Amino acid sequence: MKSLHLKVYGHVQGVGFRFYTVQHAIKFNVTGTVQNVNDYVEIFATGSESALNHFTENVLRGASPMSRVASYEIIEIPLQTFNQFKSI
């Protein structure tokens, strides 16, 4: 298990990006949070390495059909424990 902190920039607010991010997290058994912050979406995600790889691939392709990811940052952080994945 490991945890990641992602910042996703682009056309990612007001297009269902957080909703679809939650759906991808559920699909890949990832826990954490997603929220809008200023001009980007911030994600904290915990799961197996394989699950996080699949999750981040899907999110960075554009979690929602209307979103367009322009750039992103991903860093591994100390292990975080979450009960579920939720939009805050």
C-alpha atoms as a PDB file:
ATOM      1  CA  MET A   1       0.000   0.000   0.000  1.00  0.00           C
ATOM      2  CA  LYS A   2       1.085   3.534  -0.694  1.00  0.00           C
ATOM      3  CA  SER A   3      -0.356   7.037  -0.877  1.00  0.00           C
ATOM      4  CA  LEU A   4      -0.124   9.697  -3.566  1.00  0.00           C
ATOM      5  CA  HIS A   5      -0.836  13.418  -3.697  1.00  0.00           C
ATOM      6  CA  LEU A   6      -1.949  14.600  -7.144  1.00  0.00           C
ATOM      7  CA  LYS A   7      -2.569  18.103  -8.446  1.00  0.00           C
ATOM      8  CA  VAL A   8      -4.391  18.103 -11.774  1.00  0.00           C
ATOM      9  CA  TYR A   9      -4.511  21.277 -13.899  1.00  0.00           C
ATOM     10  CA  GLY A  10      -6.512  22.140 -16.991  1.00  0.00           C
ATOM     11  CA  HIS A  11     -10.226  22.146 -17.738  1.00  0.00           C
ATOM     12  CA  VAL A  12     -11.018  20.057 -14.649  1.00  0.00           C
ATOM     13  CA  GLN A  13     -13.541  22.131 -12.698  1.00  0.00           C
ATOM     14  CA  GLY A  14     -17.238  22.378 -13.491  1.00  0.00           C
ATOM     15  CA  VAL A  15     -17.117  19.338 -15.795  1.00  0.00           C
ATOM     16  CA  GLY A  16     -17.825  16.424 -13.432  1.00  0.00           C
ATOM     17  CA  PHE A  17     -14.139  15.652 -12.885  1.00  0.00           C
ATOM     18  CA  ARG A  18     -14.556  14.973  -9.145  1.00  0.00           C
ATOM     19  CA  PHE A  19     -17.597  12.736  -9.691  1.00  0.00           C
ATOM     20  CA  TYR A  20     -15.765  10.609 -12.259  1.00  0.00           C
ATOM     21  CA  THR A  21     -12.635  10.529 -10.095  1.00  0.00           C
ATOM     22  CA  VAL A  22     -14.714   8.979  -7.294  1.00  0.00           C
ATOM     23  CA  GLN A  23     -16.088   6.398  -9.751  1.00  0.00           C
ATOM     24  CA  HIS A  24     -12.568   5.447 -10.890  1.00  0.00           C
ATOM     25  CA  ALA A  25     -11.429   5.171  -7.264  1.00  0.00           C
ATOM     26  CA  ILE A  26     -14.288   2.805  -6.462  1.00  0.00           C
ATOM     27  CA  LYS A  27     -13.541   0.746  -9.592  1.00  0.00           C
ATOM     28  CA  PHE A  28      -9.870   0.328  -8.647  1.00  0.00           C
ATOM     29  CA  ASN A  29     -10.354  -0.012  -4.873  1.00  0.00           C
ATOM     30  CA  VAL A  30      -8.567   3.251  -4.053  1.00  0.00           C
ATOM     31  CA  THR A  31      -9.429   5.323  -0.972  1.00  0.00           C
ATOM     32  CA  GLY A  32      -8.867   9.034  -0.406  1.00  0.00           C
ATOM     33  CA  THR A  33     -10.292  12.421  -1.328  1.00  0.00           C
ATOM     34  CA  VAL A  34     -10.736  14.753  -4.279  1.00  0.00           C
ATOM     35  CA  GLN A  35     -11.478  18.471  -4.105  1.00  0.00           C
ATOM     36  CA  ASN A  36     -11.333  21.674  -6.138  1.00  0.00           C
ATOM     37  CA  VAL A  37      -8.555  24.027  -5.014  1.00  0.00           C
ATOM     38  CA  ASN A  38      -8.076  27.392  -6.732  1.00  0.00           C
ATOM     39  CA  ASP A  39      -7.283  26.490 -10.369  1.00  0.00           C
ATOM     40  CA  TYR A  40      -6.656  22.752  -9.961  1.00  0.00           C
ATOM     41  CA  VAL A  41      -8.104  19.556  -8.523  1.00  0.00           C
ATOM     42  CA  GLU A  42      -6.295  18.015  -5.561  1.00  0.00           C
ATOM     43  CA  ILE A  43      -6.400  14.271  -4.967  1.00  0.00           C
ATOM     44  CA  PHE A  44      -5.099  12.196  -2.074  1.00  0.00           C
ATOM     45  CA  ALA A  45      -5.192   8.503  -2.964  1.00  0.00           C
ATOM     46  CA  THR A  46      -4.220   5.304  -1.138  1.00  0.00           C
ATOM     47  CA  GLY A  47      -4.120   1.804  -2.569  1.00  0.00           C
ATOM     48  CA  SER A  48      -1.915  -0.938  -3.923  1.00  0.00           C
ATOM     49  CA  GLU A  49       0.701   0.098  -6.461  1.00  0.00           C
ATOM     50  CA  SER A  50      -1.239  -1.606  -9.254  1.00  0.00           C
ATOM     51  CA  ALA A  51      -4.545  -0.006  -8.225  1.00  0.00           C
ATOM     52  CA  LEU A  52      -2.954   3.440  -8.004  1.00  0.00           C
ATOM     53  CA  ASN A  53      -1.341   3.002 -11.433  1.00  0.00           C
ATOM     54  CA  HIS A  54      -4.700   2.164 -13.047  1.00  0.00           C
ATOM     55  CA  PHE A  55      -6.473   4.919 -11.112  1.00  0.00           C
ATOM     56  CA  THR A  56      -3.978   7.641 -12.032  1.00  0.00           C
ATOM     57  CA  GLU A  57      -3.901   6.547 -15.695  1.00  0.00           C
ATOM     58  CA  ASN A  58      -7.672   6.933 -15.903  1.00  0.00           C
ATOM     59  CA  VAL A  59      -7.786  10.217 -14.004  1.00  0.00           C
ATOM     60  CA  LEU A  60      -4.975  11.783 -16.019  1.00  0.00           C
ATOM     61  CA  ARG A  61      -6.586  10.802 -19.322  1.00  0.00           C
ATOM     62  CA  GLY A  62      -9.427  13.070 -18.190  1.00  0.00           C
ATOM     63  CA  ALA A  63     -11.656  11.598 -15.532  1.00  0.00           C
ATOM     64  CA  SER A  64     -14.804  13.000 -17.135  1.00  0.00           C
ATOM     65  CA  PRO A  65     -15.711  13.169 -20.835  1.00  0.00           C
ATOM     66  CA  MET A  66     -15.711  16.998 -20.799  1.00  0.00           C
ATOM     67  CA  SER A  67     -12.423  17.463 -18.920  1.00  0.00           C
ATOM     68  CA  ARG A  68      -9.006  18.158 -20.422  1.00  0.00           C
ATOM     69  CA  VAL A  69      -5.906  17.662 -18.303  1.00  0.00           C
ATOM     70  CA  ALA A  70      -3.188  20.162 -19.243  1.00  0.00           C
ATOM     71  CA  SER A  71      -0.607  19.182 -16.619  1.00  0.00           C
ATOM     72  CA  TYR A  72      -0.265  17.410 -13.314  1.00  0.00           C
ATOM     73  CA  GLU A  73       2.008  16.778 -10.363  1.00  0.00           C
ATOM     74  CA  ILE A  74       2.245  13.470  -8.498  1.00  0.00           C
ATOM     75  CA  ILE A  75       4.261  12.850  -5.373  1.00  0.00           C
ATOM     76  CA  GLU A  76       4.349   9.855  -3.080  1.00  0.00           C
ATOM     77  CA  ILE A  77       3.503  10.830   0.484  1.00  0.00           C
ATOM     78  CA  PRO A  78       3.617   8.967   3.802  1.00  0.00           C
ATOM     79  CA  LEU A  79       0.887   6.334   3.984  1.00  0.00           C
ATOM     80  CA  GLN A  80      -2.532   7.879   4.664  1.00  0.00           C
ATOM     81  CA  THR A  81      -5.528   5.902   5.890  1.00  0.00           C
ATOM     82  CA  PHE A  82      -8.999   6.593   4.497  1.00  0.00           C
ATOM     83  CA  ASN A  83     -12.195   4.573   4.951  1.00  0.00           C
ATOM     84  CA  GLN A  84     -13.489   5.367   1.464  1.00  0.00           C
ATOM     85  CA  PHE A  85     -12.960   7.717  -1.448  1.00  0.00           C
ATOM     86  CA  LYS A  86     -14.995  10.908  -1.324  1.00  0.00           C
ATOM     87  CA  SER A  87     -15.356  14.289  -2.924  1.00  0.00           C
ATOM     88  CA  ILE A  88     -14.948  17.159  -0.465  1.00  0.00           C
END
